[in-house]
Amino acid sequence: MVDDGDPGVLIQTGINNPIAIGLAASLLQEAGIPFFVTDQNSTAQQESGNAFGWWNVRVPREREAEAREILQSVEDSK
């Protein structure tokens, strides 16, 4: 979970397949990157324009580059 004092960075992904979502979550956990999943009923969903159920996450600012690399690798593996 991202620290309450800093909401972190919202990363919008094109991931909407349950298997890919599970893989992305596992890879983030293995890397030790805390993340908060935003869902279609959240304010973050409206903020991000996520009308298609894509999996968007918030991560700590200092881990953003690493998280983006992991998420991109999952998107590229489709």
N, C-alpha and C. Protein backbone atom coordinates (compact mmCIF):
# COMPACT_ATOMS: atom_id res chain seq x y z
N MET A 1 0.84 -1.17 0.00
CA MET A 1 0.00 0.00 0.00
C MET A 1 0.89 1.24 0.00
N VAL A 2 0.48 2.23 -0.74
CA VAL A 2 1.22 3.48 -0.82
C VAL A 2 1.03 4.24 0.49
N ASP A 3 2.07 4.91 0.94
CA ASP A 3 2.02 5.69 2.18
C ASP A 3 0.90 6.71 2.13
N ASP A 4 0.13 6.83 3.22
CA ASP A 4 -1.01 7.74 3.25
C ASP A 4 -0.61 9.20 3.08
N GLY A 5 0.61 9.55 3.45
CA GLY A 5 1.06 10.94 3.33
C GLY A 5 1.30 11.36 1.89
N ASP A 6 1.56 10.43 1.02
CA ASP A 6 1.81 10.72 -0.38
C ASP A 6 1.01 9.72 -1.20
N PRO A 7 0.07 10.21 -2.00
CA PRO A 7 -0.77 9.29 -2.76
C PRO A 7 0.00 8.54 -3.85
N GLY A 8 1.24 8.92 -4.09
CA GLY A 8 2.02 8.24 -5.10
C GLY A 8 1.68 8.70 -6.49
N VAL A 9 2.02 7.89 -7.44
CA VAL A 9 1.83 8.21 -8.85
C VAL A 9 0.81 7.23 -9.43
N LEU A 10 -0.17 7.75 -10.15
CA LEU A 10 -1.14 6.89 -10.82
C LEU A 10 -0.55 6.44 -12.15
N ILE A 11 -0.47 5.14 -12.33
CA ILE A 11 0.00 4.57 -13.59
C ILE A 11 -1.19 3.96 -14.29
N GLN A 12 -1.48 4.47 -15.46
CA GLN A 12 -2.57 3.94 -16.26
C GLN A 12 -2.00 2.85 -17.17
N THR A 13 -2.67 1.71 -17.19
CA THR A 13 -2.19 0.61 -18.03
C THR A 13 -3.27 0.24 -19.04
N GLY A 14 -2.90 -0.59 -19.97
CA GLY A 14 -3.85 -1.16 -20.92
C GLY A 14 -4.20 -2.58 -20.54
N ILE A 15 -3.91 -2.94 -19.28
CA ILE A 15 -4.12 -4.31 -18.82
C ILE A 15 -5.56 -4.45 -18.32
N ASN A 16 -6.32 -5.36 -18.94
CA ASN A 16 -7.69 -5.60 -18.47
C ASN A 16 -8.05 -7.08 -18.46
N ASN A 17 -7.11 -7.94 -18.75
CA ASN A 17 -7.31 -9.38 -18.73
C ASN A 17 -6.97 -9.89 -17.33
N PRO A 18 -7.84 -10.68 -16.71
CA PRO A 18 -7.59 -11.15 -15.34
C PRO A 18 -6.27 -11.90 -15.16
N ILE A 19 -5.85 -12.65 -16.14
CA ILE A 19 -4.58 -13.38 -16.04
C ILE A 19 -3.41 -12.39 -16.05
N ALA A 20 -3.47 -11.41 -16.95
CA ALA A 20 -2.41 -10.40 -17.02
C ALA A 20 -2.39 -9.55 -15.75
N ILE A 21 -3.55 -9.25 -15.21
CA ILE A 21 -3.63 -8.49 -13.96
C ILE A 21 -2.95 -9.26 -12.84
N GLY A 22 -3.23 -10.56 -12.75
CA GLY A 22 -2.59 -11.39 -11.74
C GLY A 22 -1.08 -11.44 -11.90
N LEU A 23 -0.63 -11.53 -13.15
CA LEU A 23 0.81 -11.54 -13.41
C LEU A 23 1.44 -10.22 -12.99
N ALA A 24 0.81 -9.12 -13.36
CA ALA A 24 1.34 -7.80 -13.00
C ALA A 24 1.42 -7.64 -11.49
N ALA A 25 0.37 -8.04 -10.80
CA ALA A 25 0.36 -7.94 -9.33
C ALA A 25 1.47 -8.79 -8.73
N SER A 26 1.65 -10.00 -9.23
CA SER A 26 2.70 -10.88 -8.72
C SER A 26 4.09 -10.29 -8.95
N LEU A 27 4.30 -9.74 -10.13
CA LEU A 27 5.62 -9.16 -10.43
C LEU A 27 5.91 -7.93 -9.57
N LEU A 28 4.90 -7.10 -9.33
CA LEU A 28 5.09 -5.94 -8.46
C LEU A 28 5.40 -6.40 -7.03
N GLN A 29 4.68 -7.43 -6.57
CA GLN A 29 4.93 -7.95 -5.22
C GLN A 29 6.33 -8.55 -5.11
N GLU A 30 6.74 -9.33 -6.11
CA GLU A 30 8.07 -9.93 -6.10
C GLU A 30 9.16 -8.88 -6.07
N ALA A 31 8.91 -7.74 -6.74
CA ALA A 31 9.89 -6.66 -6.77
C ALA A 31 9.85 -5.83 -5.49
N GLY A 32 8.87 -6.10 -4.64
CA GLY A 32 8.77 -5.36 -3.38
C GLY A 32 8.24 -3.95 -3.57
N ILE A 33 7.48 -3.73 -4.63
CA ILE A 33 6.92 -2.41 -4.90
C ILE A 33 5.52 -2.34 -4.31
N PRO A 34 5.31 -1.48 -3.32
CA PRO A 34 3.96 -1.35 -2.78
C PRO A 34 3.06 -0.70 -3.82
N PHE A 35 1.84 -1.20 -3.94
CA PHE A 35 0.92 -0.62 -4.92
C PHE A 35 -0.50 -0.65 -4.40
N PHE A 36 -1.29 0.24 -4.93
CA PHE A 36 -2.71 0.33 -4.60
C PHE A 36 -3.47 0.27 -5.92
N VAL A 37 -4.34 -0.70 -6.04
CA VAL A 37 -5.11 -0.88 -7.27
C VAL A 37 -6.31 0.04 -7.23
N THR A 38 -6.51 0.79 -8.32
CA THR A 38 -7.71 1.61 -8.43
C THR A 38 -8.73 0.82 -9.22
N ASP A 39 -10.00 0.96 -8.85
CA ASP A 39 -11.02 0.20 -9.55
C ASP A 39 -12.01 1.11 -10.22
N GLN A 40 -12.94 0.53 -10.94
CA GLN A 40 -13.86 1.32 -11.75
C GLN A 40 -14.84 2.14 -10.93
N ASN A 41 -14.93 1.92 -9.63
CA ASN A 41 -15.85 2.69 -8.80
C ASN A 41 -15.15 3.79 -8.02
N SER A 42 -13.85 3.97 -8.24
CA SER A 42 -13.09 4.91 -7.43
C SER A 42 -12.96 6.28 -8.08
N THR A 43 -12.58 7.25 -7.30
CA THR A 43 -12.30 8.58 -7.80
C THR A 43 -11.14 8.54 -8.77
N ALA A 44 -10.16 7.68 -8.48
CA ALA A 44 -9.00 7.57 -9.36
C ALA A 44 -9.41 7.10 -10.75
N GLN A 45 -10.44 6.25 -10.82
CA GLN A 45 -10.94 5.80 -12.12
C GLN A 45 -11.46 6.98 -12.91
N GLN A 46 -12.19 7.86 -12.27
CA GLN A 46 -12.70 9.04 -12.96
C GLN A 46 -11.54 9.96 -13.34
N GLU A 47 -10.58 10.10 -12.45
CA GLU A 47 -9.40 10.94 -12.70
C GLU A 47 -8.64 10.45 -13.92
N SER A 48 -8.55 9.13 -14.08
CA SER A 48 -7.75 8.57 -15.15
C SER A 48 -8.52 8.35 -16.44
N GLY A 49 -9.83 8.54 -16.41
CA GLY A 49 -10.63 8.31 -17.61
C GLY A 49 -10.76 6.85 -17.95
N ASN A 50 -10.66 5.98 -16.96
CA ASN A 50 -10.68 4.54 -17.17
C ASN A 50 -12.11 4.04 -17.30
N ALA A 51 -12.64 4.06 -18.51
CA ALA A 51 -14.00 3.62 -18.75
C ALA A 51 -14.06 2.15 -19.19
N PHE A 52 -12.91 1.52 -19.37
CA PHE A 52 -12.89 0.17 -19.94
C PHE A 52 -12.42 -0.90 -18.98
N GLY A 53 -12.30 -0.59 -17.70
CA GLY A 53 -11.89 -1.59 -16.73
C GLY A 53 -10.42 -1.91 -16.74
N TRP A 54 -9.61 -1.02 -17.32
CA TRP A 54 -8.17 -1.26 -17.29
C TRP A 54 -7.67 -1.22 -15.88
N TRP A 55 -6.59 -1.93 -15.63
CA TRP A 55 -6.00 -2.04 -14.30
C TRP A 55 -5.03 -0.89 -14.10
N ASN A 56 -5.41 0.04 -13.26
CA ASN A 56 -4.56 1.19 -12.95
C ASN A 56 -4.08 1.07 -11.52
N VAL A 57 -2.86 1.49 -11.26
CA VAL A 57 -2.29 1.37 -9.92
C VAL A 57 -1.61 2.65 -9.50
N ARG A 58 -1.56 2.84 -8.20
CA ARG A 58 -0.74 3.91 -7.62
C ARG A 58 0.46 3.26 -6.97
N VAL A 59 1.61 3.84 -7.24
CA VAL A 59 2.86 3.34 -6.66
C VAL A 59 3.62 4.52 -6.06
N PRO A 60 4.56 4.26 -5.15
CA PRO A 60 5.36 5.35 -4.60
C PRO A 60 6.17 6.03 -5.72
N ARG A 61 6.30 7.33 -5.61
CA ARG A 61 7.02 8.10 -6.64
C ARG A 61 8.42 7.55 -6.89
N GLU A 62 9.09 7.16 -5.82
CA GLU A 62 10.48 6.70 -5.98
C GLU A 62 10.58 5.33 -6.65
N ARG A 63 9.48 4.63 -6.81
CA ARG A 63 9.49 3.31 -7.48
C ARG A 63 8.76 3.34 -8.82
N GLU A 64 8.38 4.54 -9.27
CA GLU A 64 7.58 4.67 -10.50
C GLU A 64 8.25 4.06 -11.72
N ALA A 65 9.51 4.40 -11.97
CA ALA A 65 10.18 3.90 -13.17
C ALA A 65 10.23 2.38 -13.19
N GLU A 66 10.56 1.79 -12.06
CA GLU A 66 10.63 0.33 -11.97
C GLU A 66 9.25 -0.30 -12.19
N ALA A 67 8.22 0.30 -11.59
CA ALA A 67 6.86 -0.23 -11.74
C ALA A 67 6.40 -0.11 -13.19
N ARG A 68 6.70 1.03 -13.82
CA ARG A 68 6.31 1.20 -15.24
C ARG A 68 6.97 0.15 -16.12
N GLU A 69 8.21 -0.15 -15.85
CA GLU A 69 8.93 -1.16 -16.63
C GLU A 69 8.26 -2.53 -16.48
N ILE A 70 7.90 -2.89 -15.27
CA ILE A 70 7.24 -4.17 -15.02
C ILE A 70 5.89 -4.21 -15.72
N LEU A 71 5.11 -3.16 -15.56
CA LEU A 71 3.77 -3.13 -16.17
C LEU A 71 3.85 -3.15 -17.69
N GLN A 72 4.83 -2.45 -18.25
CA GLN A 72 5.00 -2.45 -19.70
C GLN A 72 5.36 -3.84 -20.21
N SER A 73 6.18 -4.56 -19.44
CA SER A 73 6.55 -5.91 -19.87
C SER A 73 5.33 -6.82 -19.92
N VAL A 74 4.39 -6.62 -18.99
CA VAL A 74 3.15 -7.42 -18.99
C VAL A 74 2.29 -7.03 -20.19
N GLU A 75 2.17 -5.73 -20.45
CA GLU A 75 1.38 -5.29 -21.60
C GLU A 75 1.97 -5.81 -22.90
N ASP A 76 3.29 -5.79 -23.01
CA ASP A 76 3.96 -6.24 -24.24
C ASP A 76 3.82 -7.74 -24.46
N SER A 77 3.55 -8.49 -23.39
CA SER A 77 3.47 -9.95 -23.52
C SER A 77 2.11 -10.44 -23.99
N LYS A 78 1.18 -9.53 -24.22
CA LYS A 78 -0.18 -9.93 -24.68
C LYS A 78 -0.14 -10.64 -26.00
